[in-house]
């Protein structure tokens, strides 16, 4: 995820990787792109509430679910994918 975030930042796109529950920098400044694991967004209330704020809702362009490319069938890779509905 760090390489992907760095690539976005080099192109002038505000992006962050949500890798811990106590990442205050991403919480204070809404990013246009957030790279996040399915466990982090589904398993923690903190990131769901941060992404639901007016600041994020007005600026967020993309929410990139890391490791989703590994799924062959729905729920195959991570059990947490089974509860993800888009």
PDB file of N, CA and C in Angstrom:
ATOM      1  N   UNK A   1       0.813  -1.187   0.000  1.00  0.00           N
ATOM      2  CA  UNK A   1       0.000   0.000   0.000  1.00  0.00           C
ATOM      3  C   UNK A   1       0.863   1.259   0.000  1.00  0.00           C
ATOM      4  N   UNK A   2       1.993   1.199   0.676  1.00  0.00           N
ATOM      5  CA  UNK A   2       2.848   2.390   0.759  1.00  0.00           C
ATOM      6  C   UNK A   2       3.319   2.833  -0.618  1.00  0.00           C
ATOM      7  N   UNK A   3       3.667   1.882  -1.475  1.00  0.00           N
ATOM      8  CA  UNK A   3       4.097   2.231  -2.836  1.00  0.00           C
ATOM      9  C   UNK A   3       2.970   2.885  -3.617  1.00  0.00           C
ATOM     10  N   UNK A   4       1.760   2.383  -3.459  1.00  0.00           N
ATOM     11  CA  UNK A   4       0.614   2.946  -4.164  1.00  0.00           C
ATOM     12  C   UNK A   4       0.316   4.362  -3.687  1.00  0.00           C
ATOM     13  N   UNK A   5       0.388   4.580  -2.391  1.00  0.00           N
ATOM     14  CA  UNK A   5       0.161   5.915  -1.828  1.00  0.00           C
ATOM     15  C   UNK A   5       1.240   6.873  -2.309  1.00  0.00           C
ATOM     16  N   UNK A   6       2.493   6.441  -2.274  1.00  0.00           N
ATOM     17  CA  UNK A   6       3.595   7.292  -2.730  1.00  0.00           C
ATOM     18  C   UNK A   6       3.413   7.665  -4.203  1.00  0.00           C
ATOM     19  N   UNK A   7       2.983   6.731  -5.020  1.00  0.00           N
ATOM     20  CA  UNK A   7       2.742   7.001  -6.435  1.00  0.00           C
ATOM     21  C   UNK A   7       1.650   8.055  -6.618  1.00  0.00           C
ATOM     22  N   UNK A   8       0.597   7.963  -5.834  1.00  0.00           N
ATOM     23  CA  UNK A   8      -0.471   8.975  -5.900  1.00  0.00           C
ATOM     24  C   UNK A   8       0.063  10.340  -5.482  1.00  0.00           C
ATOM     25  N   UNK A   9       0.794  10.376  -4.381  1.00  0.00           N
ATOM     26  CA  UNK A   9       1.324  11.636  -3.866  1.00  0.00           C
ATOM     27  C   UNK A   9       2.294  12.281  -4.845  1.00  0.00           C
ATOM     28  N   UNK A  10       3.099  11.479  -5.533  1.00  0.00           N
ATOM     29  CA  UNK A  10       4.020  12.016  -6.537  1.00  0.00           C
ATOM     30  C   UNK A  10       3.269  12.669  -7.693  1.00  0.00           C
ATOM     31  N   UNK A  11       2.044  12.260  -7.909  1.00  0.00           N
ATOM     32  CA  UNK A  11       1.204  12.829  -8.971  1.00  0.00           C
ATOM     33  C   UNK A  11       0.294  13.941  -8.455  1.00  0.00           C
ATOM     34  N   UNK A  12       0.475  14.317  -7.187  1.00  0.00           N
ATOM     35  CA  UNK A  12      -0.298  15.404  -6.614  1.00  0.00           C
ATOM     36  C   UNK A  12      -1.671  15.011  -6.093  1.00  0.00           C
ATOM     37  N   UNK A  13      -1.903  13.718  -5.905  1.00  0.00           N
ATOM     38  CA  UNK A  13      -3.187  13.238  -5.393  1.00  0.00           C
ATOM     39  C   UNK A  13      -3.031  12.926  -3.910  1.00  0.00           C
ATOM     40  N   UNK A  14      -3.837  13.571  -3.072  1.00  0.00           N
ATOM     41  CA  UNK A  14      -3.790  13.326  -1.632  1.00  0.00           C
ATOM     42  C   UNK A  14      -4.303  11.926  -1.354  1.00  0.00           C
ATOM     43  N   UNK A  15      -3.426  11.054  -0.865  1.00  0.00           N
ATOM     44  CA  UNK A  15      -3.794   9.666  -0.600  1.00  0.00           C
ATOM     45  C   UNK A  15      -3.145   9.209   0.693  1.00  0.00           C
ATOM     46  N   UNK A  16      -3.747   8.206   1.303  1.00  0.00           N
ATOM     47  CA  UNK A  16      -3.221   7.652   2.547  1.00  0.00           C
ATOM     48  C   UNK A  16      -3.538   6.174   2.612  1.00  0.00           C
ATOM     49  N   UNK A  17      -2.779   5.474   3.433  1.00  0.00           N
ATOM     50  CA  UNK A  17      -3.043   4.061   3.692  1.00  0.00           C
ATOM     51  C   UNK A  17      -3.567   3.941   5.113  1.00  0.00           C
ATOM     52  N   UNK A  18      -4.735   3.384   5.258  1.00  0.00           N
ATOM     53  CA  UNK A  18      -5.330   3.180   6.576  1.00  0.00           C
ATOM     54  C   UNK A  18      -4.854   1.833   7.089  1.00  0.00           C
ATOM     55  N   UNK A  19      -3.735   1.857   7.783  1.00  0.00           N
ATOM     56  CA  UNK A  19      -3.145   0.597   8.236  1.00  0.00           C
ATOM     57  C   UNK A  19      -3.258   0.387   9.742  1.00  0.00           C
ATOM     58  N   UNK A  20      -3.557   1.447  10.480  1.00  0.00           N
ATOM     59  CA  UNK A  20      -3.742   1.309  11.919  1.00  0.00           C
ATOM     60  C   UNK A  20      -4.986   2.072  12.346  1.00  0.00           C
ATOM     61  N   UNK A  21      -5.464   1.753  13.522  1.00  0.00           N
ATOM     62  CA  UNK A  21      -6.643   2.446  14.053  1.00  0.00           C
ATOM     63  C   UNK A  21      -6.293   3.820  14.603  1.00  0.00           C
ATOM     64  N   UNK A  22      -5.019   4.077  14.879  1.00  0.00           N
ATOM     65  CA  UNK A  22      -4.640   5.349  15.474  1.00  0.00           C
ATOM     66  C   UNK A  22      -3.871   6.252  14.528  1.00  0.00           C
ATOM     67  N   UNK A  23      -4.178   6.203  13.261  1.00  0.00           N
ATOM     68  CA  UNK A  23      -3.559   7.084  12.267  1.00  0.00           C
ATOM     69  C   UNK A  23      -4.292   8.418  12.278  1.00  0.00           C
ATOM     70  N   UNK A  24      -3.729   9.405  12.960  1.00  0.00           N
ATOM     71  CA  UNK A  24      -4.383  10.706  13.121  1.00  0.00           C
ATOM     72  C   UNK A  24      -4.238  11.597  11.895  1.00  0.00           C
ATOM     73  N   UNK A  25      -3.179  11.444  11.104  1.00  0.00           N
ATOM     74  CA  UNK A  25      -2.967  12.328   9.959  1.00  0.00           C
ATOM     75  C   UNK A  25      -4.063  12.164   8.916  1.00  0.00           C
ATOM     76  N   UNK A  26      -4.466  10.954   8.626  1.00  0.00           N
ATOM     77  CA  UNK A  26      -5.512  10.717   7.634  1.00  0.00           C
ATOM     78  C   UNK A  26      -6.872  11.148   8.151  1.00  0.00           C
ATOM     79  N   UNK A  27      -7.024  11.156   9.455  1.00  0.00           N
ATOM     80  CA  UNK A  27      -8.292  11.534  10.061  1.00  0.00           C
ATOM     81  C   UNK A  27      -8.514  13.042   9.993  1.00  0.00           C
ATOM     82  N   UNK A  28      -7.445  13.831  10.133  1.00  0.00           N
ATOM     83  CA  UNK A  28      -7.565  15.287  10.180  1.00  0.00           C
ATOM     84  C   UNK A  28      -7.729  15.918   8.810  1.00  0.00           C
ATOM     85  N   UNK A  29      -7.114  15.341   7.790  1.00  0.00           N
ATOM     86  CA  UNK A  29      -7.184  15.898   6.443  1.00  0.00           C
ATOM     87  C   UNK A  29      -7.765  14.851   5.508  1.00  0.00           C
ATOM     88  N   UNK A  30      -8.923  15.149   4.957  1.00  0.00           N
ATOM     89  CA  UNK A  30      -9.576  14.184   4.069  1.00  0.00           C
ATOM     90  C   UNK A  30      -8.717  13.942   2.840  1.00  0.00           C
ATOM     91  N   UNK A  31      -8.553  12.704   2.509  1.00  0.00           N
ATOM     92  CA  UNK A  31      -7.773  12.306   1.348  1.00  0.00           C
ATOM     93  C   UNK A  31      -8.698  12.053   0.168  1.00  0.00           C
ATOM     94  N   UNK A  32      -8.153  12.169  -1.032  1.00  0.00           N
ATOM     95  CA  UNK A  32      -8.942  11.829  -2.215  1.00  0.00           C
ATOM     96  C   UNK A  32      -8.956  10.330  -2.438  1.00  0.00           C
ATOM     97  N   UNK A  33      -7.920   9.650  -1.965  1.00  0.00           N
ATOM     98  CA  UNK A  33      -7.848   8.197  -2.097  1.00  0.00           C
ATOM     99  C   UNK A  33      -7.390   7.578  -0.796  1.00  0.00           C
ATOM    100  N   UNK A  34      -8.060   6.525  -0.381  1.00  0.00           N
ATOM    101  CA  UNK A  34      -7.678   5.816   0.834  1.00  0.00           C
ATOM    102  C   UNK A  34      -7.502   4.343   0.487  1.00  0.00           C
ATOM    103  N   UNK A  35      -6.320   3.830   0.743  1.00  0.00           N
ATOM    104  CA  UNK A  35      -6.020   2.411   0.574  1.00  0.00           C
ATOM    105  C   UNK A  35      -6.267   1.755   1.927  1.00  0.00           C
ATOM    106  N   UNK A  36      -7.092   0.717   1.943  1.00  0.00           N
ATOM    107  CA  UNK A  36      -7.499   0.136   3.215  1.00  0.00           C
ATOM    108  C   UNK A  36      -7.714  -1.368   3.056  1.00  0.00           C
ATOM    109  N   UNK A  37      -7.447  -2.104   4.113  1.00  0.00           N
ATOM    110  CA  UNK A  37      -7.693  -3.552   4.073  1.00  0.00           C
ATOM    111  C   UNK A  37      -9.155  -3.805   4.423  1.00  0.00           C
ATOM    112  N   UNK A  38      -9.703  -4.919   3.973  1.00  0.00           N
ATOM    113  CA  UNK A  38     -11.093  -5.211   4.324  1.00  0.00           C
ATOM    114  C   UNK A  38     -11.282  -5.356   5.831  1.00  0.00           C
ATOM    115  N   UNK A  39     -10.276  -5.902   6.512  1.00  0.00           N
ATOM    116  CA  UNK A  39     -10.374  -6.033   7.969  1.00  0.00           C
ATOM    117  C   UNK A  39     -10.448  -4.674   8.649  1.00  0.00           C
ATOM    118  N   UNK A  40      -9.711  -3.701   8.139  1.00  0.00           N
ATOM    119  CA  UNK A  40      -9.682  -2.384   8.766  1.00  0.00           C
ATOM    120  C   UNK A  40     -11.022  -1.664   8.606  1.00  0.00           C
ATOM    121  N   UNK A  41     -11.620  -1.741   7.434  1.00  0.00           N
ATOM    122  CA  UNK A  41     -12.874  -1.005   7.241  1.00  0.00           C
ATOM    123  C   UNK A  41     -14.073  -1.733   7.844  1.00  0.00           C
ATOM    124  N   UNK A  42     -14.055  -3.050   7.820  1.00  0.00           N
ATOM    125  CA  UNK A  42     -15.187  -3.797   8.373  1.00  0.00           C
ATOM    126  C   UNK A  42     -15.002  -4.148   9.840  1.00  0.00           C
ATOM    127  N   UNK A  43     -13.752  -4.228  10.281  1.00  0.00           N
ATOM    128  CA  UNK A  43     -13.491  -4.672  11.640  1.00  0.00           C
ATOM    129  C   UNK A  43     -13.326  -3.568  12.661  1.00  0.00           C
ATOM    130  N   UNK A  44     -13.242  -2.316  12.217  1.00  0.00           N
ATOM    131  CA  UNK A  44     -13.068  -1.211  13.158  1.00  0.00           C
ATOM    132  C   UNK A  44     -14.117  -0.141  12.912  1.00  0.00           C
ATOM    133  N   UNK A  45     -14.748   0.306  13.974  1.00  0.00           N
ATOM    134  CA  UNK A  45     -15.752   1.373  13.853  1.00  0.00           C
ATOM    135  C   UNK A  45     -15.088   2.711  13.546  1.00  0.00           C
ATOM    136  N   UNK A  46     -13.849   2.881  13.990  1.00  0.00           N
ATOM    137  CA  UNK A  46     -13.163   4.160  13.817  1.00  0.00           C
ATOM    138  C   UNK A  46     -13.092   4.563  12.356  1.00  0.00           C
ATOM    139  N   UNK A  47     -12.599   3.677  11.475  1.00  0.00           N
ATOM    140  CA  UNK A  47     -12.439   4.066  10.076  1.00  0.00           C
ATOM    141  C   UNK A  47     -13.766   4.255   9.374  1.00  0.00           C
ATOM    142  N   UNK A  48     -14.760   3.452   9.733  1.00  0.00           N
ATOM    143  CA  UNK A  48     -16.089   3.666   9.141  1.00  0.00           C
ATOM    144  C   UNK A  48     -16.617   5.034   9.520  1.00  0.00           C
ATOM    145  N   UNK A  49     -16.425   5.449  10.783  1.00  0.00           N
ATOM    146  CA  UNK A  49     -16.925   6.757  11.211  1.00  0.00           C
ATOM    147  C   UNK A  49     -16.118   7.893  10.589  1.00  0.00           C
ATOM    148  N   UNK A  50     -14.804   7.722  10.433  1.00  0.00           N
ATOM    149  CA  UNK A  50     -13.980   8.750   9.782  1.00  0.00           C
ATOM    150  C   UNK A  50     -14.415   8.937   8.335  1.00  0.00           C
ATOM    151  N   UNK A  51     -14.590   7.835   7.612  1.00  0.00           N
ATOM    152  CA  UNK A  51     -14.973   7.920   6.201  1.00  0.00           C
ATOM    153  C   UNK A  51     -16.394   8.426   6.016  1.00  0.00           C
ATOM    154  N   UNK A  52     -17.195   8.397   7.062  1.00  0.00           N
ATOM    155  CA  UNK A  52     -18.581   8.856   6.988  1.00  0.00           C
ATOM    156  C   UNK A  52     -18.731  10.335   7.332  1.00  0.00           C
ATOM    157  N   UNK A  53     -17.638  11.011   7.696  1.00  0.00           N
ATOM    158  CA  UNK A  53     -17.732  12.434   8.037  1.00  0.00           C
ATOM    159  C   UNK A  53     -17.985  13.278   6.793  1.00  0.00           C
ATOM    160  N   UNK A  54     -18.526  14.473   7.001  1.00  0.00           N
ATOM    161  CA  UNK A  54     -18.785  15.389   5.882  1.00  0.00           C
ATOM    162  C   UNK A  54     -17.504  15.727   5.132  1.00  0.00           C
ATOM    163  N   UNK A  55     -16.392  15.877   5.857  1.00  0.00           N
ATOM    164  CA  UNK A  55     -15.109  16.202   5.236  1.00  0.00           C
ATOM    165  C   UNK A  55     -14.715  15.122   4.230  1.00  0.00           C
ATOM    166  N   UNK A  56     -14.786  13.866   4.632  1.00  0.00           N
ATOM    167  CA  UNK A  56     -14.435  12.781   3.713  1.00  0.00           C
ATOM    168  C   UNK A  56     -15.472  12.609   2.618  1.00  0.00           C
ATOM    169  N   UNK A  57     -16.735  12.724   2.951  1.00  0.00           N
ATOM    170  CA  UNK A  57     -17.783  12.543   1.954  1.00  0.00           C
ATOM    171  C   UNK A  57     -17.670  13.571   0.832  1.00  0.00           C
ATOM    172  N   UNK A  58     -17.178  14.753   1.142  1.00  0.00           N
ATOM    173  CA  UNK A  58     -17.064  15.801   0.121  1.00  0.00           C
ATOM    174  C   UNK A  58     -15.794  15.684  -0.724  1.00  0.00           C
ATOM    175  N   UNK A  59     -14.772  14.978  -0.242  1.00  0.00           N
ATOM    176  CA  UNK A  59     -13.493  14.935  -0.957  1.00  0.00           C
ATOM    177  C   UNK A  59     -13.090  13.578  -1.498  1.00  0.00           C
ATOM    178  N   UNK A  60     -13.570  12.508  -0.900  1.00  0.00           N
ATOM    179  CA  UNK A  60     -13.108  11.171  -1.262  1.00  0.00           C
ATOM    180  C   UNK A  60     -13.528  10.798  -2.679  1.00  0.00           C
ATOM    181  N   UNK A  61     -12.556  10.416  -3.474  1.00  0.00           N
ATOM    182  CA  UNK A  61     -12.807   9.984  -4.846  1.00  0.00           C
ATOM    183  C   UNK A  61     -12.782   8.462  -4.920  1.00  0.00           C
ATOM    184  N   UNK A  62     -11.863   7.835  -4.171  1.00  0.00           N
ATOM    185  CA  UNK A  62     -11.741   6.388  -4.251  1.00  0.00           C
ATOM    186  C   UNK A  62     -11.358   5.747  -2.941  1.00  0.00           C
ATOM    187  N   UNK A  63     -11.957   4.603  -2.694  1.00  0.00           N
ATOM    188  CA  UNK A  63     -11.620   3.771  -1.553  1.00  0.00           C
ATOM    189  C   UNK A  63     -11.092   2.469  -2.142  1.00  0.00           C
ATOM    190  N   UNK A  64      -9.798   2.243  -2.009  1.00  0.00           N
ATOM    191  CA  UNK A  64      -9.154   1.092  -2.631  1.00  0.00           C
ATOM    192  C   UNK A  64      -8.996  -0.006  -1.586  1.00  0.00           C
ATOM    193  N   UNK A  65      -9.618  -1.145  -1.852  1.00  0.00           N
ATOM    194  CA  UNK A  65      -9.537  -2.273  -0.928  1.00  0.00           C
ATOM    195  C   UNK A  65      -8.318  -3.108  -1.292  1.00  0.00           C
ATOM    196  N   UNK A  66      -7.316  -3.071  -0.431  1.00  0.00           N
ATOM    197  CA  UNK A  66      -6.080  -3.793  -0.678  1.00  0.00           C
ATOM    198  C   UNK A  66      -6.325  -5.297  -0.626  1.00  0.00           C
ATOM    199  N   UNK A  67      -5.662  -6.030  -1.475  1.00  0.00           N
ATOM    200  CA  UNK A  67      -5.714  -7.483  -1.565  1.00  0.00           C
ATOM    201  C   UNK A  67      -6.954  -8.002  -2.278  1.00  0.00           C
ATOM    202  N   UNK A  68      -7.826  -7.143  -2.734  1.00  0.00           N
ATOM    203  CA  UNK A  68      -9.032  -7.601  -3.429  1.00  0.00           C
ATOM    204  C   UNK A  68      -8.677  -8.354  -4.708  1.00  0.00           C
ATOM    205  N   UNK A  69      -7.520  -8.064  -5.282  1.00  0.00           N
ATOM    206  CA  UNK A  69      -7.101  -8.758  -6.503  1.00  0.00           C
ATOM    207  C   UNK A  69      -6.844 -10.251  -6.267  1.00  0.00           C
ATOM    208  N   UNK A  70      -6.746 -10.645  -5.033  1.00  0.00           N
ATOM    209  CA  UNK A  70      -6.479 -12.050  -4.706  1.00  0.00           C
ATOM    210  C   UNK A  70      -7.742 -12.905  -4.646  1.00  0.00           C
ATOM    211  N   UNK A  71      -8.899 -12.288  -4.743  1.00  0.00           N
ATOM    212  CA  UNK A  71     -10.152 -13.027  -4.629  1.00  0.00           C
ATOM    213  C   UNK A  71     -10.496 -13.687  -5.957  1.00  0.00           C
ATOM    214  N   UNK A  72     -10.664 -14.991  -5.928  1.00  0.00           N
ATOM    215  CA  UNK A  72     -11.061 -15.719  -7.136  1.00  0.00           C
ATOM    216  C   UNK A  72     -12.578 -15.834  -7.197  1.00  0.00           C
ATOM    217  N   UNK A  73     -13.187 -16.128  -6.071  1.00  0.00           N
ATOM    218  CA  UNK A  73     -14.641 -16.159  -5.974  1.00  0.00           C
ATOM    219  C   UNK A  73     -15.026 -15.372  -4.732  1.00  0.00           C
ATOM    220  N   UNK A  74     -16.260 -14.924  -4.663  1.00  0.00           N
ATOM    221  CA  UNK A  74     -16.713 -14.073  -3.561  1.00  0.00           C
ATOM    222  C   UNK A  74     -16.454 -14.756  -2.225  1.00  0.00           C
ATOM    223  N   UNK A  75     -15.661 -14.114  -1.365  1.00  0.00           N
ATOM    224  CA  UNK A  75     -15.369 -14.642  -0.051  1.00  0.00           C
ATOM    225  C   UNK A  75     -14.255 -15.673  -0.016  1.00  0.00           C
ATOM    226  N   UNK A  76     -13.611 -15.907  -1.140  1.00  0.00           N
ATOM    227  CA  UNK A  76     -12.592 -16.951  -1.249  1.00  0.00           C
ATOM    228  C   UNK A  76     -11.315 -16.632  -0.475  1.00  0.00           C
ATOM    229  N   UNK A  77     -10.846 -15.395  -0.508  1.00  0.00           N
ATOM    230  CA  UNK A  77      -9.546 -15.057   0.057  1.00  0.00           C
ATOM    231  C   UNK A  77      -9.627 -14.740   1.547  1.00  0.00           C
ATOM    232  N   UNK A  78     -10.462 -13.799   1.909  1.00  0.00           N
ATOM    233  CA  UNK A  78     -10.654 -13.405   3.305  1.00  0.00           C
ATOM    234  C   UNK A  78     -12.106 -13.661   3.677  1.00  0.00           C
ATOM    235  N   UNK A  79     -12.328 -14.215   4.834  1.00  0.00           N
ATOM    236  CA  UNK A  79     -13.703 -14.426   5.285  1.00  0.00           C
ATOM    237  C   UNK A  79     -14.464 -13.104   5.385  1.00  0.00           C
ATOM    238  N   UNK A  80     -13.750 -12.020   5.697  1.00  0.00           N
ATOM    239  CA  UNK A  80     -14.400 -10.723   5.865  1.00  0.00           C
ATOM    240  C   UNK A  80     -15.005 -10.212   4.554  1.00  0.00           C
ATOM    241  N   UNK A  81     -14.510 -10.691   3.404  1.00  0.00           N
ATOM    242  CA  UNK A  81     -15.085 -10.275   2.122  1.00  0.00           C
ATOM    243  C   UNK A  81     -16.539 -10.706   1.989  1.00  0.00           C
ATOM    244  N   UNK A  82     -16.919 -11.775   2.658  1.00  0.00           N
ATOM    245  CA  UNK A  82     -18.299 -12.255   2.555  1.00  0.00           C
ATOM    246  C   UNK A  82     -19.300 -11.223   3.050  1.00  0.00           C
ATOM    247  N   UNK A  83     -18.897 -10.379   3.990  1.00  0.00           N
ATOM    248  CA  UNK A  83     -19.822  -9.387   4.537  1.00  0.00           C
ATOM    249  C   UNK A  83     -19.742  -8.046   3.820  1.00  0.00           C
ATOM    250  N   UNK A  84     -18.912  -7.950   2.794  1.00  0.00           N
ATOM    251  CA  UNK A  84     -18.754  -6.707   2.032  1.00  0.00           C
ATOM    252  C   UNK A  84     -19.797  -6.667   0.925  1.00  0.00           C
ATOM    253  N   UNK A  85     -20.609  -5.667   0.911  1.00  0.00           N
ATOM    254  CA  UNK A  85     -21.628  -5.531  -0.139  1.00  0.00           C
ATOM    255  C   UNK A  85     -21.517  -4.151  -0.750  1.00  0.00           C
ATOM    256  N   UNK A  86     -21.398  -4.102  -2.055  1.00  0.00           N
ATOM    257  CA  UNK A  86     -21.274  -2.816  -2.748  1.00  0.00           C
ATOM    258  C   UNK A  86     -22.493  -2.626  -3.621  1.00  0.00           C
TER     259      UNK A  86
END
